[in-house]
């Protein structure tokens, strides 16, 4: 048992070591994602020591698998409100499963103007926590490029045609029409 805990701590140490190649850090990250309850306190301490670095974000991703720690919950909400990686932190709050996350996510949705991609993750996290997003809390995304790329005329298009159109819209945003009905200028 002591050997296993030492292995966990070694992985935690390697994850934080700046001289370790990124692929090894990813292996450590994967290792720590499951079955490392015995070192959650050490991971929380490591998170505290890493400020707002990418390693701190990785540690929070790992810690989101070990619910029940106020400091982790508040850190997840804090990162969400920074707005740097809204989809990730909305997802992690939902995954963490703390019921307070529902109120935090709903409040964030009302205060923040999310992109369509961000909204999708926020809504999914709210639903994961047992809530729902009303139509009145759903922003208007008619000007969001990803939203425009995702909408299509439910006509006789095949999946392949839809995929090509979405790819074209994402790579050539000037071809996106205002109605979002699939009509494009074919004079390229």
N, C-alpha and C. Protein backbone atom coordinates (compact mmCIF):
# COMPACT_ATOMS: atom_id res chain seq x y z
N UNK A 1 0.83 -1.19 0.00
CA UNK A 1 0.00 0.00 0.00
C UNK A 1 0.87 1.25 0.00
N UNK A 2 1.93 1.24 0.79
CA UNK A 2 2.84 2.38 0.83
C UNK A 2 3.51 2.58 -0.52
N UNK A 3 3.82 1.48 -1.21
CA UNK A 3 4.44 1.59 -2.54
C UNK A 3 3.50 2.26 -3.53
N UNK A 4 2.21 1.94 -3.44
CA UNK A 4 1.23 2.53 -4.35
C UNK A 4 1.10 4.03 -4.09
N UNK A 5 1.07 4.42 -2.83
CA UNK A 5 0.99 5.85 -2.51
C UNK A 5 2.24 6.58 -3.00
N UNK A 6 3.39 5.96 -2.87
CA UNK A 6 4.63 6.56 -3.37
C UNK A 6 4.58 6.73 -4.89
N UNK A 7 4.00 5.76 -5.58
CA UNK A 7 3.85 5.85 -7.03
C UNK A 7 2.93 7.01 -7.40
N UNK A 8 1.84 7.16 -6.65
CA UNK A 8 0.92 8.28 -6.88
C UNK A 8 1.65 9.61 -6.68
N UNK A 9 2.38 9.73 -5.60
CA UNK A 9 3.10 10.96 -5.29
C UNK A 9 4.20 11.24 -6.32
N UNK A 10 4.82 10.20 -6.83
CA UNK A 10 5.84 10.36 -7.87
C UNK A 10 5.20 10.94 -9.15
N UNK A 11 4.03 10.42 -9.49
CA UNK A 11 3.32 10.94 -10.66
C UNK A 11 2.92 12.40 -10.45
N UNK A 12 2.49 12.74 -9.26
CA UNK A 12 2.14 14.12 -8.94
C UNK A 12 3.37 15.02 -9.05
N UNK A 13 4.48 14.55 -8.57
CA UNK A 13 5.73 15.31 -8.65
C UNK A 13 6.17 15.52 -10.09
N UNK A 14 6.12 14.46 -10.89
CA UNK A 14 6.52 14.57 -12.29
C UNK A 14 5.61 15.52 -13.06
N UNK A 15 4.33 15.50 -12.75
CA UNK A 15 3.38 16.39 -13.41
C UNK A 15 3.77 17.85 -13.21
N UNK A 16 4.32 18.17 -12.06
CA UNK A 16 4.66 19.55 -11.72
C UNK A 16 6.07 19.96 -12.12
N UNK A 17 6.90 19.02 -12.48
CA UNK A 17 8.29 19.28 -12.79
C UNK A 17 8.42 19.91 -14.18
N UNK A 18 8.93 21.13 -14.23
CA UNK A 18 9.05 21.85 -15.50
C UNK A 18 10.02 21.18 -16.48
N UNK A 19 10.95 20.39 -15.98
CA UNK A 19 11.93 19.75 -16.86
C UNK A 19 11.41 18.47 -17.51
N UNK A 20 10.25 18.00 -17.07
CA UNK A 20 9.69 16.75 -17.60
C UNK A 20 8.98 17.04 -18.93
N UNK A 21 9.24 16.23 -19.95
CA UNK A 21 8.57 16.43 -21.24
C UNK A 21 7.05 16.33 -21.10
N UNK A 22 6.36 17.05 -21.97
CA UNK A 22 4.90 17.15 -21.89
C UNK A 22 4.22 15.79 -22.04
N UNK A 23 4.73 14.91 -22.88
CA UNK A 23 4.09 13.60 -23.05
C UNK A 23 4.13 12.78 -21.76
N UNK A 24 5.18 12.94 -21.00
CA UNK A 24 5.27 12.24 -19.71
C UNK A 24 4.30 12.88 -18.72
N UNK A 25 4.18 14.20 -18.76
CA UNK A 25 3.20 14.88 -17.91
C UNK A 25 1.79 14.37 -18.21
N UNK A 26 1.50 14.17 -19.50
CA UNK A 26 0.17 13.65 -19.86
C UNK A 26 -0.05 12.24 -19.31
N UNK A 27 1.01 11.42 -19.31
CA UNK A 27 0.89 10.09 -18.71
C UNK A 27 0.59 10.20 -17.22
N UNK A 28 1.26 11.12 -16.55
CA UNK A 28 1.03 11.34 -15.12
C UNK A 28 -0.40 11.84 -14.88
N UNK A 29 -0.83 12.76 -15.72
CA UNK A 29 -2.20 13.29 -15.65
C UNK A 29 -3.19 12.13 -15.75
N UNK A 30 -3.03 11.27 -16.74
CA UNK A 30 -3.93 10.13 -16.92
C UNK A 30 -3.90 9.21 -15.70
N UNK A 31 -2.72 8.98 -15.17
CA UNK A 31 -2.56 8.11 -14.01
C UNK A 31 -3.35 8.66 -12.81
N UNK A 32 -3.26 9.97 -12.59
CA UNK A 32 -3.86 10.60 -11.42
C UNK A 32 -5.38 10.79 -11.53
N UNK A 33 -5.93 10.59 -12.71
CA UNK A 33 -7.36 10.85 -12.92
C UNK A 33 -8.27 9.88 -12.17
N UNK A 34 -7.78 8.73 -11.80
CA UNK A 34 -8.66 7.73 -11.19
C UNK A 34 -7.90 6.91 -10.17
N UNK A 35 -8.53 6.68 -9.04
CA UNK A 35 -7.96 5.79 -8.05
C UNK A 35 -6.88 6.40 -7.16
N UNK A 36 -6.81 7.70 -7.13
CA UNK A 36 -5.76 8.36 -6.32
C UNK A 36 -6.36 9.17 -5.16
N UNK A 37 -7.46 8.68 -4.61
CA UNK A 37 -8.11 9.35 -3.48
C UNK A 37 -7.15 9.56 -2.32
N UNK A 38 -6.20 8.66 -2.15
CA UNK A 38 -5.27 8.73 -1.02
C UNK A 38 -4.38 9.96 -1.05
N UNK A 39 -4.25 10.62 -2.20
CA UNK A 39 -3.37 11.79 -2.25
C UNK A 39 -4.11 13.06 -2.68
N UNK A 40 -5.42 13.10 -2.47
CA UNK A 40 -6.19 14.29 -2.84
C UNK A 40 -5.67 15.51 -2.09
N UNK A 41 -5.38 15.39 -0.82
CA UNK A 41 -4.86 16.53 -0.06
C UNK A 41 -3.54 17.04 -0.66
N UNK A 42 -2.70 16.13 -1.08
CA UNK A 42 -1.43 16.52 -1.71
C UNK A 42 -1.67 17.19 -3.07
N UNK A 43 -2.68 16.70 -3.81
CA UNK A 43 -3.00 17.32 -5.09
C UNK A 43 -3.58 18.72 -4.89
N UNK A 44 -4.39 18.90 -3.85
CA UNK A 44 -4.92 20.24 -3.55
C UNK A 44 -3.78 21.18 -3.18
N UNK A 45 -2.85 20.71 -2.40
CA UNK A 45 -1.68 21.52 -2.04
C UNK A 45 -0.86 21.86 -3.29
N UNK A 46 -0.70 20.91 -4.17
CA UNK A 46 0.03 21.16 -5.42
C UNK A 46 -0.71 22.20 -6.25
N UNK A 47 -2.04 22.12 -6.29
CA UNK A 47 -2.82 23.12 -7.01
C UNK A 47 -2.54 24.51 -6.44
N UNK A 48 -2.59 24.63 -5.13
CA UNK A 48 -2.33 25.92 -4.47
C UNK A 48 -0.96 26.47 -4.87
N UNK A 49 0.02 25.58 -4.99
CA UNK A 49 1.40 26.01 -5.27
C UNK A 49 1.64 26.35 -6.74
N UNK A 50 0.68 26.07 -7.60
CA UNK A 50 0.89 26.29 -9.04
C UNK A 50 0.13 27.49 -9.60
N UNK A 51 -0.49 28.28 -8.73
CA UNK A 51 -1.12 29.53 -9.15
C UNK A 51 -2.13 29.35 -10.26
N UNK A 52 -1.91 30.08 -11.36
CA UNK A 52 -2.84 30.02 -12.49
C UNK A 52 -2.17 29.41 -13.72
N UNK A 53 -1.22 28.57 -13.50
CA UNK A 53 -0.48 27.94 -14.60
C UNK A 53 -1.30 26.85 -15.28
N UNK A 54 -0.77 26.36 -16.38
CA UNK A 54 -1.41 25.22 -17.05
C UNK A 54 -1.41 23.99 -16.15
N UNK A 55 -0.40 23.85 -15.33
CA UNK A 55 -0.35 22.72 -14.39
C UNK A 55 -1.49 22.84 -13.38
N UNK A 56 -1.78 24.05 -12.92
CA UNK A 56 -2.89 24.25 -11.99
C UNK A 56 -4.20 23.82 -12.66
N UNK A 57 -4.37 24.18 -13.93
CA UNK A 57 -5.58 23.77 -14.65
C UNK A 57 -5.64 22.24 -14.76
N UNK A 58 -4.52 21.61 -15.06
CA UNK A 58 -4.49 20.15 -15.15
C UNK A 58 -4.86 19.52 -13.81
N UNK A 59 -4.33 20.10 -12.74
CA UNK A 59 -4.62 19.58 -11.41
C UNK A 59 -6.11 19.72 -11.08
N UNK A 60 -6.72 20.83 -11.48
CA UNK A 60 -8.16 20.98 -11.25
C UNK A 60 -8.95 19.97 -12.08
N UNK A 61 -8.50 19.71 -13.29
CA UNK A 61 -9.17 18.68 -14.09
C UNK A 61 -9.11 17.34 -13.37
N UNK A 62 -7.95 17.03 -12.82
CA UNK A 62 -7.79 15.78 -12.07
C UNK A 62 -8.67 15.80 -10.83
N UNK A 63 -8.61 16.89 -10.07
CA UNK A 63 -9.36 16.99 -8.82
C UNK A 63 -10.88 16.97 -9.04
N UNK A 64 -11.33 17.30 -10.23
CA UNK A 64 -12.77 17.27 -10.49
C UNK A 64 -13.30 15.84 -10.44
N UNK A 65 -12.41 14.87 -10.43
CA UNK A 65 -12.81 13.46 -10.31
C UNK A 65 -12.93 13.01 -8.86
N UNK A 66 -12.60 13.89 -7.93
CA UNK A 66 -12.61 13.55 -6.51
C UNK A 66 -13.49 14.55 -5.75
N UNK A 67 -14.82 14.40 -5.84
CA UNK A 67 -15.74 15.39 -5.25
C UNK A 67 -15.70 15.41 -3.73
N UNK A 68 -16.25 16.53 -3.22
CA UNK A 68 -16.41 16.63 -1.78
C UNK A 68 -15.45 17.58 -1.09
N UNK A 69 -14.74 18.39 -1.84
CA UNK A 69 -13.76 19.31 -1.25
C UNK A 69 -14.14 20.75 -1.64
N UNK A 70 -14.51 21.55 -0.65
CA UNK A 70 -14.93 22.92 -0.91
C UNK A 70 -13.90 23.70 -1.71
N UNK A 71 -12.64 23.54 -1.37
CA UNK A 71 -11.60 24.31 -2.06
C UNK A 71 -11.58 24.00 -3.56
N UNK A 72 -11.80 22.76 -3.92
CA UNK A 72 -11.83 22.39 -5.34
C UNK A 72 -13.06 23.00 -6.00
N UNK A 73 -14.20 22.89 -5.36
CA UNK A 73 -15.43 23.47 -5.92
C UNK A 73 -15.24 24.97 -6.16
N UNK A 74 -14.77 25.69 -5.15
CA UNK A 74 -14.61 27.15 -5.29
C UNK A 74 -13.56 27.50 -6.34
N UNK A 75 -12.53 26.69 -6.46
CA UNK A 75 -11.51 26.93 -7.49
C UNK A 75 -12.12 26.76 -8.89
N UNK A 76 -12.94 25.73 -9.07
CA UNK A 76 -13.59 25.51 -10.37
C UNK A 76 -14.47 26.70 -10.74
N UNK A 77 -15.25 27.19 -9.79
CA UNK A 77 -16.13 28.33 -10.05
C UNK A 77 -15.30 29.57 -10.33
N UNK A 78 -14.22 29.75 -9.59
CA UNK A 78 -13.35 30.90 -9.81
C UNK A 78 -12.77 30.90 -11.22
N UNK A 79 -12.30 29.76 -11.67
CA UNK A 79 -11.75 29.65 -13.03
C UNK A 79 -12.84 29.89 -14.07
N UNK A 80 -14.04 29.42 -13.83
CA UNK A 80 -15.14 29.67 -14.76
C UNK A 80 -15.35 31.17 -14.91
N UNK A 81 -15.40 31.88 -13.78
CA UNK A 81 -15.66 33.32 -13.82
C UNK A 81 -14.50 34.12 -14.40
N UNK A 82 -13.34 33.54 -14.52
CA UNK A 82 -12.25 34.22 -15.22
C UNK A 82 -12.55 34.32 -16.71
N UNK A 83 -13.34 33.38 -17.20
CA UNK A 83 -13.76 33.40 -18.59
C UNK A 83 -12.71 32.95 -19.58
N UNK A 84 -11.60 32.40 -19.11
CA UNK A 84 -10.53 31.97 -20.02
C UNK A 84 -10.84 30.69 -20.76
N UNK A 85 -11.48 29.77 -20.11
CA UNK A 85 -11.81 28.48 -20.73
C UNK A 85 -13.17 28.03 -20.21
N UNK A 86 -14.19 28.80 -20.56
CA UNK A 86 -15.54 28.58 -20.05
C UNK A 86 -16.05 27.17 -20.32
N UNK A 87 -15.91 26.64 -21.55
CA UNK A 87 -16.43 25.28 -21.78
C UNK A 87 -15.80 24.25 -20.85
N UNK A 88 -14.50 24.33 -20.67
CA UNK A 88 -13.81 23.36 -19.80
C UNK A 88 -14.32 23.45 -18.37
N UNK A 89 -14.35 24.64 -17.81
CA UNK A 89 -14.70 24.76 -16.40
C UNK A 89 -16.19 24.56 -16.16
N UNK A 90 -17.04 24.89 -17.11
CA UNK A 90 -18.46 24.56 -16.98
C UNK A 90 -18.60 23.03 -16.92
N UNK A 91 -17.92 22.36 -17.85
CA UNK A 91 -17.95 20.89 -17.87
C UNK A 91 -17.45 20.31 -16.53
N UNK A 92 -16.35 20.83 -16.02
CA UNK A 92 -15.78 20.29 -14.79
C UNK A 92 -16.69 20.53 -13.59
N UNK A 93 -17.37 21.68 -13.56
CA UNK A 93 -18.31 21.93 -12.47
C UNK A 93 -19.46 20.93 -12.52
N UNK A 94 -19.97 20.68 -13.71
CA UNK A 94 -21.03 19.68 -13.84
C UNK A 94 -20.55 18.31 -13.41
N UNK A 95 -19.36 17.96 -13.84
CA UNK A 95 -18.77 16.65 -13.52
C UNK A 95 -18.51 16.51 -12.02
N UNK A 96 -18.10 17.62 -11.38
CA UNK A 96 -17.77 17.58 -9.96
C UNK A 96 -18.99 17.18 -9.13
N UNK A 97 -20.16 17.58 -9.59
CA UNK A 97 -21.38 17.10 -8.97
C UNK A 97 -21.84 17.83 -7.72
N UNK A 98 -21.19 18.91 -7.35
CA UNK A 98 -21.60 19.68 -6.17
C UNK A 98 -22.87 20.45 -6.54
N UNK A 99 -23.92 20.26 -5.76
CA UNK A 99 -25.21 20.88 -6.10
C UNK A 99 -25.15 22.40 -6.14
N UNK A 100 -24.21 23.01 -5.45
CA UNK A 100 -24.05 24.46 -5.50
C UNK A 100 -23.64 24.93 -6.90
N UNK A 101 -23.07 24.02 -7.67
CA UNK A 101 -22.65 24.36 -9.02
C UNK A 101 -23.81 24.77 -9.91
N UNK A 102 -24.98 24.24 -9.64
CA UNK A 102 -26.16 24.59 -10.43
C UNK A 102 -26.43 26.08 -10.34
N UNK A 103 -26.47 26.61 -9.14
CA UNK A 103 -26.71 28.05 -8.95
C UNK A 103 -25.58 28.88 -9.54
N UNK A 104 -24.35 28.42 -9.36
CA UNK A 104 -23.20 29.15 -9.91
C UNK A 104 -23.27 29.22 -11.43
N UNK A 105 -23.59 28.11 -12.06
CA UNK A 105 -23.67 28.07 -13.53
C UNK A 105 -24.83 28.90 -14.05
N UNK A 106 -25.99 28.81 -13.39
CA UNK A 106 -27.14 29.60 -13.83
C UNK A 106 -26.87 31.09 -13.66
N UNK A 107 -26.23 31.46 -12.55
CA UNK A 107 -25.87 32.86 -12.35
C UNK A 107 -24.87 33.34 -13.38
N UNK A 108 -23.91 32.50 -13.67
CA UNK A 108 -22.90 32.85 -14.67
C UNK A 108 -23.55 33.06 -16.03
N UNK A 109 -24.47 32.21 -16.38
CA UNK A 109 -25.15 32.31 -17.67
C UNK A 109 -25.91 33.63 -17.79
N UNK A 110 -26.47 34.10 -16.70
CA UNK A 110 -27.22 35.36 -16.72
C UNK A 110 -26.29 36.58 -16.78
N UNK A 111 -25.11 36.47 -16.18
CA UNK A 111 -24.18 37.60 -16.11
C UNK A 111 -23.24 37.69 -17.31
N UNK A 112 -22.99 36.59 -17.94
CA UNK A 112 -21.97 36.47 -18.97
C UNK A 112 -22.65 36.31 -20.33
N UNK A 113 -22.04 36.81 -21.36
CA UNK A 113 -22.58 36.62 -22.71
C UNK A 113 -21.76 35.53 -23.40
N UNK A 114 -22.21 34.27 -23.26
CA UNK A 114 -21.41 33.17 -23.81
C UNK A 114 -21.51 33.07 -25.33
N UNK A 115 -20.49 32.49 -25.90
CA UNK A 115 -20.57 32.09 -27.30
C UNK A 115 -21.46 30.86 -27.35
N UNK A 116 -21.80 30.44 -28.55
CA UNK A 116 -22.65 29.26 -28.70
C UNK A 116 -21.97 28.03 -28.10
N UNK A 117 -20.69 27.86 -28.39
CA UNK A 117 -19.93 26.72 -27.86
C UNK A 117 -19.92 26.74 -26.33
N UNK A 118 -19.69 27.91 -25.74
CA UNK A 118 -19.69 28.02 -24.29
C UNK A 118 -21.07 27.68 -23.72
N UNK A 119 -22.10 28.20 -24.37
CA UNK A 119 -23.46 27.96 -23.91
C UNK A 119 -23.79 26.46 -23.90
N UNK A 120 -23.38 25.77 -24.94
CA UNK A 120 -23.65 24.33 -25.03
C UNK A 120 -23.07 23.61 -23.81
N UNK A 121 -21.85 23.94 -23.43
CA UNK A 121 -21.22 23.29 -22.26
C UNK A 121 -21.87 23.73 -20.95
N UNK A 122 -22.21 25.01 -20.85
CA UNK A 122 -22.87 25.49 -19.63
C UNK A 122 -24.21 24.79 -19.47
N UNK A 123 -24.99 24.73 -20.55
CA UNK A 123 -26.29 24.06 -20.49
C UNK A 123 -26.13 22.59 -20.13
N UNK A 124 -25.16 21.92 -20.73
CA UNK A 124 -24.94 20.49 -20.43
C UNK A 124 -24.58 20.30 -18.95
N UNK A 125 -23.75 21.20 -18.40
CA UNK A 125 -23.37 21.09 -16.99
C UNK A 125 -24.57 21.34 -16.08
N UNK A 126 -25.39 22.33 -16.44
CA UNK A 126 -26.61 22.61 -15.65
C UNK A 126 -27.51 21.38 -15.67
N UNK A 127 -27.67 20.79 -16.82
CA UNK A 127 -28.52 19.60 -16.92
C UNK A 127 -27.92 18.42 -16.16
N UNK A 128 -26.60 18.30 -16.20
CA UNK A 128 -25.94 17.21 -15.46
C UNK A 128 -26.19 17.34 -13.96
N UNK A 129 -26.33 18.58 -13.49
CA UNK A 129 -26.58 18.82 -12.07
C UNK A 129 -28.08 18.82 -11.73
N UNK A 130 -28.91 18.49 -12.72
CA UNK A 130 -30.34 18.35 -12.47
C UNK A 130 -31.17 19.59 -12.76
N UNK A 131 -30.56 20.61 -13.32
CA UNK A 131 -31.30 21.83 -13.66
C UNK A 131 -31.65 21.88 -15.12
N UNK A 132 -32.19 23.01 -15.53
CA UNK A 132 -32.49 23.21 -16.94
C UNK A 132 -32.33 24.69 -17.26
N UNK A 133 -32.16 24.96 -18.53
CA UNK A 133 -32.03 26.33 -19.01
C UNK A 133 -33.32 26.67 -19.74
N UNK A 134 -33.99 27.71 -19.28
CA UNK A 134 -35.25 28.12 -19.90
C UNK A 134 -34.98 28.83 -21.22
N UNK A 135 -36.00 28.94 -22.03
CA UNK A 135 -35.88 29.66 -23.30
C UNK A 135 -35.48 31.11 -23.06
N UNK A 136 -36.00 31.71 -21.99
CA UNK A 136 -35.67 33.11 -21.71
C UNK A 136 -34.22 33.28 -21.26
N UNK A 137 -33.60 32.23 -20.77
CA UNK A 137 -32.18 32.29 -20.38
C UNK A 137 -31.26 31.86 -21.51
N UNK A 138 -31.83 31.50 -22.65
CA UNK A 138 -31.03 31.10 -23.80
C UNK A 138 -30.75 32.33 -24.65
N UNK A 139 -29.48 32.69 -24.78
CA UNK A 139 -29.13 33.87 -25.58
C UNK A 139 -29.46 33.68 -27.06
N UNK A 140 -29.50 34.79 -27.76
CA UNK A 140 -29.72 34.79 -29.21
C UNK A 140 -28.36 34.58 -29.87
N UNK A 141 -28.23 33.48 -30.59
CA UNK A 141 -26.95 33.15 -31.22
C UNK A 141 -26.96 33.34 -32.73
N UNK A 142 -27.91 34.08 -33.24
CA UNK A 142 -28.02 34.19 -34.70
C UNK A 142 -26.78 34.79 -35.35
N UNK A 143 -25.96 35.50 -34.60
CA UNK A 143 -24.75 36.09 -35.17
C UNK A 143 -23.49 35.28 -34.84
N UNK A 144 -23.63 34.20 -34.09
CA UNK A 144 -22.49 33.38 -33.71
C UNK A 144 -22.11 32.45 -34.87
N UNK A 145 -20.85 32.51 -35.35
CA UNK A 145 -20.44 31.70 -36.51
C UNK A 145 -20.62 30.19 -36.31
N UNK A 146 -20.33 29.69 -35.12
CA UNK A 146 -20.50 28.25 -34.88
C UNK A 146 -21.98 27.88 -34.93
N UNK A 147 -22.80 28.73 -34.37
CA UNK A 147 -24.25 28.49 -34.42
C UNK A 147 -24.73 28.49 -35.87
N UNK A 148 -24.28 29.47 -36.63
CA UNK A 148 -24.66 29.54 -38.04
C UNK A 148 -24.19 28.30 -38.79
N UNK A 149 -23.01 27.83 -38.44
CA UNK A 149 -22.48 26.64 -39.11
C UNK A 149 -23.26 25.39 -38.72
N UNK A 150 -23.85 25.40 -37.54
CA UNK A 150 -24.56 24.21 -37.06
C UNK A 150 -26.00 24.15 -37.55
N UNK A 151 -26.58 25.30 -37.87
CA UNK A 151 -27.98 25.28 -38.32
C UNK A 151 -28.01 24.84 -39.78
N UNK A 152 -29.05 24.18 -40.14
CA UNK A 152 -29.18 23.77 -41.53
C UNK A 152 -30.66 23.64 -41.87
N UNK A 153 -30.92 23.70 -43.13
CA UNK A 153 -32.27 23.50 -43.64
C UNK A 153 -32.56 22.00 -43.54
N UNK A 154 -33.60 21.65 -42.86
CA UNK A 154 -33.91 20.23 -42.67
C UNK A 154 -34.54 19.62 -43.91
N UNK A 155 -34.00 19.94 -45.05
CA UNK A 155 -34.53 19.41 -46.30
C UNK A 155 -33.97 18.02 -46.54
N UNK A 156 -33.63 17.74 -47.75
CA UNK A 156 -33.19 16.41 -48.14
C UNK A 156 -31.67 16.25 -48.08
N UNK A 157 -30.98 17.13 -47.35
CA UNK A 157 -29.52 17.03 -47.29
C UNK A 157 -29.09 15.73 -46.64
N UNK A 158 -28.04 15.16 -47.18
CA UNK A 158 -27.46 13.96 -46.57
C UNK A 158 -26.49 14.40 -45.48
N UNK A 159 -26.10 13.47 -44.63
CA UNK A 159 -25.13 13.78 -43.59
C UNK A 159 -23.83 14.28 -44.20
N UNK A 160 -23.43 13.69 -45.31
CA UNK A 160 -22.19 14.10 -45.98
C UNK A 160 -22.31 15.55 -46.47
N UNK A 161 -23.44 15.90 -47.05
CA UNK A 161 -23.64 17.27 -47.54
C UNK A 161 -23.65 18.26 -46.38
N UNK A 162 -24.28 17.89 -45.29
CA UNK A 162 -24.31 18.75 -44.11
C UNK A 162 -22.90 18.95 -43.58
N UNK A 163 -22.14 17.88 -43.50
CA UNK A 163 -20.75 17.97 -43.02
C UNK A 163 -19.92 18.87 -43.89
N UNK A 164 -20.06 18.75 -45.21
CA UNK A 164 -19.31 19.61 -46.13
C UNK A 164 -19.71 21.07 -45.95
N UNK A 165 -21.01 21.32 -45.80
CA UNK A 165 -21.48 22.68 -45.64
C UNK A 165 -20.97 23.28 -44.33
N UNK A 166 -21.01 22.53 -43.26
CA UNK A 166 -20.52 23.04 -41.97
C UNK A 166 -19.03 23.32 -42.07
N UNK A 167 -18.27 22.41 -42.65
CA UNK A 167 -16.84 22.62 -42.81
C UNK A 167 -16.58 23.87 -43.65
N UNK A 168 -17.34 24.05 -44.73
CA UNK A 168 -17.18 25.23 -45.57
C UNK A 168 -17.49 26.50 -44.79
N UNK A 169 -18.54 26.46 -43.99
CA UNK A 169 -18.90 27.65 -43.20
C UNK A 169 -17.83 27.97 -42.17
N UNK A 170 -17.24 26.96 -41.58
CA UNK A 170 -16.20 27.19 -40.58
C UNK A 170 -14.91 27.70 -41.21
N UNK A 171 -14.60 27.23 -42.39
CA UNK A 171 -13.35 27.65 -43.04
C UNK A 171 -13.52 28.87 -43.91
N UNK A 172 -14.76 29.18 -44.30
CA UNK A 172 -15.04 30.35 -45.15
C UNK A 172 -16.22 31.12 -44.56
N UNK A 173 -16.02 31.84 -43.45
CA UNK A 173 -17.14 32.50 -42.78
C UNK A 173 -17.86 33.53 -43.65
N UNK A 174 -17.21 34.04 -44.70
CA UNK A 174 -17.88 34.99 -45.59
C UNK A 174 -19.02 34.34 -46.36
N UNK A 175 -19.04 33.01 -46.42
CA UNK A 175 -20.08 32.30 -47.16
C UNK A 175 -21.32 32.02 -46.32
N UNK A 176 -21.30 32.42 -45.06
CA UNK A 176 -22.44 32.16 -44.19
C UNK A 176 -23.51 33.19 -44.49
N UNK A 177 -24.70 32.71 -44.80
CA UNK A 177 -25.79 33.63 -45.09
C UNK A 177 -26.47 34.07 -43.80
N UNK A 178 -27.22 35.15 -43.85
CA UNK A 178 -27.87 35.69 -42.66
C UNK A 178 -29.00 34.82 -42.15
N UNK A 179 -29.68 34.13 -43.02
CA UNK A 179 -30.83 33.33 -42.59
C UNK A 179 -30.41 32.00 -42.02
N UNK A 180 -29.20 31.56 -42.31
CA UNK A 180 -28.75 30.27 -41.78
C UNK A 180 -29.48 29.11 -42.42
N UNK A 181 -29.99 29.30 -43.63
CA UNK A 181 -30.79 28.24 -44.23
C UNK A 181 -30.05 27.40 -45.25
N UNK A 182 -28.75 27.57 -45.31
CA UNK A 182 -27.98 26.69 -46.17
C UNK A 182 -27.66 27.28 -47.53
N UNK A 183 -28.28 28.43 -47.91
CA UNK A 183 -27.99 29.04 -49.19
C UNK A 183 -26.63 29.71 -49.12
N UNK A 184 -25.81 29.44 -50.10
CA UNK A 184 -24.47 30.00 -50.12
C UNK A 184 -24.22 30.61 -51.48
N UNK A 185 -23.30 31.52 -51.50
CA UNK A 185 -22.85 32.10 -52.75
C UNK A 185 -21.87 31.12 -53.38
N UNK A 186 -22.25 30.52 -54.49
CA UNK A 186 -21.37 29.53 -55.12
C UNK A 186 -20.32 30.15 -56.02
N UNK A 187 -20.26 31.48 -56.07
CA UNK A 187 -19.27 32.14 -56.92
C UNK A 187 -18.02 32.43 -56.09
N UNK A 188 -17.20 31.42 -55.89
CA UNK A 188 -16.00 31.60 -55.05
C UNK A 188 -14.82 31.85 -55.91
